[in-house]
């Protein structure tokens, strides 16, 4: 995960609690995700033990077959007979179904707590994982380059500077085989939801929990913020992100020597339009 994942402090959260349309995971009423790491907080980023223990939530849409199977099919088609690398592999939500399709999968993740959950699952011990920042860490493998590298559920936004996001593209390009592809699933920034003069968008309200996003349109910095009351005691947590536009991602790919091959509204290849709230984009490393 890495989506704008949730912090490791404060009340335990599940995947459905850790964001609106921001980083690693999403609120049930919004698009979004993130898979397994994030900047800040502790050794495991924002995905320490308290979050990892509750992250896999069967009631969350992101863990349903309707969300997982099309993504695994899409990535398996791109991998072909080659190998796949997942950035922010987390608990293996996508990596394990992809592995069951016969694809050799490796992962990179900052959170040891999340990776421990992956290891405990059936088939998890067959997936090699390198611990580190996915924007700079190379996969520890001697078996050659990868046919496809992927970063799902808004996790690119867990990198909170443009420099780190560009570094991620360059790190991916260095590990892709010629003709290999880089896939990102991420939300389209929802600035149209901002009324003039306002920088806050609420996305959850209840008698005991309030959640809202804060946008800085000058820097593209944003955060998901949560206030919760449990047994009469209040808590607050905030998770930082950096939102990024499709055209900006295309330029990052060009800087890394890749080009856009295709862009869709989702994993089942619906057309991407001006009304799309997210996109699945595929960039290709030239063969020569």
Protein backbone atom coordinates (compact mmCIF):
# COMPACT_ATOMS: atom_id res chain seq x y z
CA UNK A 1 0.00 0.00 0.00
CA UNK A 2 1.20 3.28 -0.12
CA UNK A 3 -1.75 5.00 -1.17
CA UNK A 4 -1.94 7.89 0.93
CA UNK A 5 -1.95 5.22 3.48
CA UNK A 6 -3.02 5.70 6.91
CA UNK A 7 -0.73 6.74 9.73
CA UNK A 8 0.71 4.21 12.11
CA UNK A 9 -0.47 6.17 15.14
CA UNK A 10 -3.97 6.79 16.41
CA UNK A 11 -6.89 4.34 16.22
CA UNK A 12 -6.42 1.30 13.98
CA UNK A 13 -7.74 1.81 10.48
CA UNK A 14 -8.74 -0.44 7.63
CA UNK A 15 -8.21 -0.07 3.91
CA UNK A 16 -11.61 1.54 3.60
CA UNK A 17 -10.63 4.20 6.14
CA UNK A 18 -7.36 5.42 4.73
CA UNK A 19 -8.26 8.14 2.31
CA UNK A 20 -10.73 9.74 -0.04
CA UNK A 21 -9.37 9.68 -3.56
CA UNK A 22 -5.82 10.12 -2.33
CA UNK A 23 -2.97 7.70 -1.81
CA UNK A 24 -2.95 4.05 -0.94
CA UNK A 25 -6.44 3.18 0.25
CA UNK A 26 -9.81 4.78 -0.27
CA UNK A 27 -12.95 5.61 1.57
CA UNK A 28 -15.86 3.39 0.61
CA UNK A 29 -17.60 6.28 -1.14
CA UNK A 30 -14.63 7.34 -3.24
CA UNK A 31 -12.23 6.08 -5.80
CA UNK A 32 -8.68 5.60 -4.66
CA UNK A 33 -6.19 3.35 -3.07
CA UNK A 34 -2.54 2.94 -2.36
CA UNK A 35 -0.80 -0.31 -1.62
CA UNK A 36 1.97 -0.31 0.92
CA UNK A 37 4.27 2.54 1.88
CA UNK A 38 4.45 6.22 2.48
CA UNK A 39 6.78 8.98 3.48
CA UNK A 40 6.94 10.13 7.09
CA UNK A 41 5.85 8.77 10.48
CA UNK A 42 8.09 5.81 11.41
CA UNK A 43 10.29 3.08 9.97
CA UNK A 44 7.27 1.65 8.15
CA UNK A 45 6.11 5.02 6.85
CA UNK A 46 2.39 5.57 7.53
CA UNK A 47 1.76 1.81 7.41
CA UNK A 48 3.06 0.45 10.68
CA UNK A 49 1.75 -2.50 12.67
CA UNK A 50 -1.44 -0.77 13.83
CA UNK A 51 -2.50 -0.18 10.21
CA UNK A 52 -1.16 -3.44 8.76
CA UNK A 53 -3.12 -5.49 11.30
CA UNK A 54 -6.40 -4.03 10.01
CA UNK A 55 -5.62 -3.22 6.40
CA UNK A 56 -7.13 -6.25 4.67
CA UNK A 57 -10.83 -5.49 4.95
CA UNK A 58 -13.09 -7.97 3.13
CA UNK A 59 -15.96 -5.47 3.30
CA UNK A 60 -14.02 -2.85 1.33
CA UNK A 61 -14.63 -2.65 -2.41
CA UNK A 62 -10.89 -2.72 -3.11
CA UNK A 63 -10.75 -6.33 -1.85
CA UNK A 64 -13.65 -7.63 -3.93
CA UNK A 65 -13.11 -9.79 -7.03
CA UNK A 66 -14.67 -7.02 -9.12
CA UNK A 67 -11.80 -4.72 -8.15
CA UNK A 68 -8.96 -7.25 -8.12
CA UNK A 69 -9.54 -9.66 -11.02
CA UNK A 70 -9.63 -7.12 -13.88
CA UNK A 71 -6.40 -5.55 -12.60
CA UNK A 72 -4.65 -8.91 -12.38
CA UNK A 73 -5.85 -9.88 -15.87
CA UNK A 74 -4.66 -6.55 -17.32
CA UNK A 75 -1.21 -6.88 -15.75
CA UNK A 76 -0.83 -10.56 -16.66
CA UNK A 77 -1.48 -9.70 -20.31
CA UNK A 78 1.30 -7.09 -20.22
CA UNK A 79 3.71 -9.40 -18.40
CA UNK A 80 3.34 -12.20 -20.94
CA UNK A 81 6.15 -14.67 -20.31
CA UNK A 82 8.17 -12.08 -18.40
CA UNK A 83 8.37 -10.95 -14.80
CA UNK A 84 6.41 -8.27 -12.93
CA UNK A 85 7.53 -5.76 -10.30
CA UNK A 86 4.99 -4.16 -7.96
CA UNK A 87 5.93 -0.92 -6.25
CA UNK A 88 4.36 -0.64 -2.78
CA UNK A 89 3.37 -4.29 -2.83
CA UNK A 90 1.82 -4.14 0.64
CA UNK A 91 -0.15 -7.20 1.73
CA UNK A 92 -0.26 -8.63 -1.79
CA UNK A 93 -3.78 -7.58 -2.82
CA UNK A 94 -2.76 -7.55 -6.50
CA UNK A 95 0.56 -9.44 -6.40
CA UNK A 96 -0.91 -12.72 -5.18
CA UNK A 97 -3.68 -12.97 -7.82
CA UNK A 98 -1.12 -12.04 -10.46
CA UNK A 99 1.24 -14.74 -9.20
CA UNK A 100 -1.58 -17.29 -9.36
CA UNK A 101 -1.85 -16.48 -13.07
CA UNK A 102 1.65 -17.84 -13.55
CA UNK A 103 3.52 -14.51 -13.50
CA UNK A 104 6.72 -14.28 -11.46
CA UNK A 105 6.21 -11.27 -9.19
CA UNK A 106 8.68 -9.27 -7.13
CA UNK A 107 7.85 -6.28 -4.95
CA UNK A 108 9.30 -3.23 -3.22
CA UNK A 109 7.80 -1.80 -0.04
CA UNK A 110 8.90 0.34 2.87
CA UNK A 111 6.57 -1.26 5.41
CA UNK A 112 7.89 -4.43 7.02
CA UNK A 113 4.57 -4.76 8.83
CA UNK A 114 2.64 -4.87 5.56
CA UNK A 115 5.08 -7.31 3.98
CA UNK A 116 4.75 -9.60 7.01
CA UNK A 117 1.03 -9.90 6.17
CA UNK A 118 1.92 -10.82 2.61
CA UNK A 119 4.35 -13.46 3.82
CA UNK A 120 1.68 -15.04 6.02
CA UNK A 121 -0.69 -15.62 3.11
CA UNK A 122 -0.77 -18.69 0.89
CA UNK A 123 1.75 -18.17 -1.89
CA UNK A 124 3.28 -15.13 -0.21
CA UNK A 125 6.59 -16.86 0.41
CA UNK A 126 7.08 -17.27 -3.35
CA UNK A 127 7.14 -13.50 -3.94
CA UNK A 128 10.47 -11.78 -3.46
CA UNK A 129 10.24 -8.42 -1.68
CA UNK A 130 12.88 -5.75 -1.30
CA UNK A 131 12.44 -3.35 1.63
CA UNK A 132 12.91 0.29 0.72
CA UNK A 133 11.56 3.50 -0.82
CA UNK A 134 10.06 2.52 -4.17
CA UNK A 135 11.14 5.77 -5.80
CA UNK A 136 14.82 4.90 -5.36
CA UNK A 137 15.21 1.23 -4.37
CA UNK A 138 16.15 -1.39 -6.96
CA UNK A 139 14.65 -4.87 -6.69
CA UNK A 140 17.13 -7.30 -5.21
CA UNK A 141 17.10 -9.93 -7.91
CA UNK A 142 19.65 -11.31 -10.33
CA UNK A 143 17.16 -12.71 -12.83
CA UNK A 144 17.17 -9.78 -15.24
CA UNK A 145 14.83 -6.91 -16.03
CA UNK A 146 11.05 -6.82 -15.70
CA UNK A 147 8.42 -6.93 -18.45
CA UNK A 148 5.96 -4.84 -16.45
CA UNK A 149 6.19 -2.65 -13.36
CA UNK A 150 3.04 -1.34 -11.74
CA UNK A 151 1.89 1.09 -9.05
CA UNK A 152 -1.80 0.92 -8.17
CA UNK A 153 -4.49 2.64 -6.12
CA UNK A 154 -3.14 6.20 -6.16
CA UNK A 155 0.14 5.25 -4.52
CA UNK A 156 2.14 7.56 -6.80
CA UNK A 157 0.64 10.36 -4.71
CA UNK A 158 2.34 9.01 -1.58
CA UNK A 159 5.48 10.53 -3.05
CA UNK A 160 4.98 14.08 -1.85
CA UNK A 161 7.31 15.98 -4.18
CA UNK A 162 7.58 16.27 -7.93
CA UNK A 163 11.25 15.29 -7.66
CA UNK A 164 10.37 12.01 -5.95
CA UNK A 165 7.70 11.22 -8.53
CA UNK A 166 10.15 11.84 -11.39
CA UNK A 167 12.74 9.70 -9.58
CA UNK A 168 10.17 6.90 -9.42
CA UNK A 169 9.75 6.92 -13.21
CA UNK A 170 13.52 6.88 -13.72
CA UNK A 171 13.93 4.05 -11.22
CA UNK A 172 11.28 2.04 -13.06
CA UNK A 173 12.81 2.69 -16.49
CA UNK A 174 16.18 1.43 -15.24
CA UNK A 175 14.60 -1.91 -14.24
CA UNK A 176 12.38 -2.48 -17.30
CA UNK A 177 13.41 -4.64 -20.21
CA UNK A 178 13.29 -2.96 -23.65
CA UNK A 179 9.64 -2.91 -24.69
CA UNK A 180 8.59 -3.26 -21.05
CA UNK A 181 5.74 -1.21 -19.58
CA UNK A 182 5.01 0.88 -16.50
CA UNK A 183 1.39 0.97 -15.29
CA UNK A 184 -0.10 3.48 -12.87
CA UNK A 185 -3.65 3.57 -11.50
CA UNK A 186 -4.43 7.00 -10.02
CA UNK A 187 -7.27 9.45 -9.53
CA UNK A 188 -7.72 12.56 -11.60
CA UNK A 189 -7.37 15.57 -9.23
CA UNK A 190 -10.83 16.67 -8.16
CA UNK A 191 -10.27 20.40 -8.23
CA UNK A 192 -13.68 20.90 -9.82
CA UNK A 193 -15.09 20.00 -6.40
CA UNK A 194 -13.52 23.13 -4.92
CA UNK A 195 -15.87 26.14 -4.81
CA UNK A 196 -14.14 29.48 -5.45
CA UNK A 197 -12.07 30.51 -2.46
CA UNK A 198 -12.33 27.12 -0.72
CA UNK A 199 -9.52 24.60 -0.22
CA UNK A 200 -11.29 21.94 1.85
CA UNK A 201 -13.50 19.12 0.53
CA UNK A 202 -15.27 16.88 3.10
CA UNK A 203 -15.73 13.26 2.08
CA UNK A 204 -17.12 11.59 5.21
CA UNK A 205 -19.37 12.78 8.03
CA UNK A 206 -21.03 10.82 10.81
CA UNK A 207 -21.87 11.39 14.49
CA UNK A 208 -18.39 10.14 15.51
CA UNK A 209 -16.15 10.60 12.46
CA UNK A 210 -15.34 13.46 10.11
CA UNK A 211 -12.91 13.32 7.19
CA UNK A 212 -11.83 15.97 4.71
CA UNK A 213 -9.19 16.72 2.09
CA UNK A 214 -7.17 19.95 2.09
CA UNK A 215 -5.72 21.21 -1.21
CA UNK A 216 -2.95 23.68 -1.95
CA UNK A 217 -3.42 24.36 -5.65
CA UNK A 218 -0.17 26.38 -5.81
CA UNK A 219 2.04 23.44 -4.82
CA UNK A 220 -0.24 20.44 -5.59
CA UNK A 221 0.18 19.42 -1.96
CA UNK A 222 -2.87 17.83 -0.41
CA UNK A 223 -3.75 15.86 2.68
CA UNK A 224 -6.51 13.61 3.94
CA UNK A 225 -7.51 14.48 7.50
CA UNK A 226 -9.55 12.50 10.02
CA UNK A 227 -11.24 13.43 13.27
CA UNK A 228 -12.77 10.58 15.27
CA UNK A 229 -14.44 10.25 18.66
CA UNK A 230 -14.26 6.86 20.40
CA UNK A 231 -15.63 6.38 23.91
CA UNK A 232 -15.73 10.12 24.40
CA UNK A 233 -12.09 10.65 23.37
CA UNK A 234 -11.12 12.48 20.21
CA UNK A 235 -8.24 11.73 17.85
CA UNK A 236 -6.85 13.42 14.75
CA UNK A 237 -4.60 12.17 11.98
CA UNK A 238 -3.40 13.68 8.71
CA UNK A 239 -1.82 11.95 5.69
CA UNK A 240 0.08 14.01 3.09
CA UNK A 241 -0.02 13.47 -0.68
CA UNK A 242 0.90 15.24 -3.87
CA UNK A 243 -1.74 15.12 -6.58
CA UNK A 244 -0.56 14.77 -10.16
CA UNK A 245 -2.19 15.36 -13.56
CA UNK A 246 -2.19 12.81 -16.43
CA UNK A 247 -0.21 15.17 -18.68
CA UNK A 248 2.34 15.69 -15.91
CA UNK A 249 2.81 11.93 -15.60
CA UNK A 250 3.35 11.76 -19.36
CA UNK A 251 6.15 14.33 -19.07
CA UNK A 252 7.72 12.39 -16.20
CA UNK A 253 7.69 9.31 -18.43
CA UNK A 254 9.38 11.27 -21.23
CA UNK A 255 12.09 12.43 -18.82
CA UNK A 256 12.69 8.77 -17.98
CA UNK A 257 12.86 7.77 -21.65
CA UNK A 258 9.39 6.23 -21.91
CA UNK A 259 6.31 7.10 -23.95
CA UNK A 260 2.57 6.81 -23.36
CA UNK A 261 1.15 3.68 -24.97
CA UNK A 262 -2.43 3.69 -23.71
CA UNK A 263 -4.71 5.33 -21.14
CA UNK A 264 -8.05 4.01 -19.90
CA UNK A 265 -10.74 4.94 -17.42
CA UNK A 266 -10.20 1.64 -15.60
CA UNK A 267 -8.81 -1.88 -15.72
CA UNK A 268 -11.53 -3.09 -18.11
CA UNK A 269 -10.39 -0.54 -20.72
CA UNK A 270 -13.30 1.87 -20.67
CA UNK A 271 -12.45 5.04 -22.66
CA UNK A 272 -10.74 7.80 -20.72
CA UNK A 273 -12.73 11.04 -21.05
CA UNK A 274 -12.96 14.52 -19.56
CA UNK A 275 -15.46 13.10 -17.05
CA UNK A 276 -13.21 10.25 -15.86
CA UNK A 277 -12.39 10.36 -12.16
CA UNK A 278 -9.34 8.08 -12.44
CA UNK A 279 -7.13 6.52 -15.08
CA UNK A 280 -5.01 3.46 -15.73
CA UNK A 281 -2.07 4.57 -17.86
CA UNK A 282 0.60 2.47 -19.57
CA UNK A 283 4.00 3.85 -20.59
CA UNK A 284 6.46 1.84 -22.68
CA UNK A 285 10.25 1.71 -22.69
CA UNK A 286 11.55 1.80 -26.27
CA UNK A 287 13.06 -1.36 -27.70
CA UNK A 288 16.05 0.57 -29.05
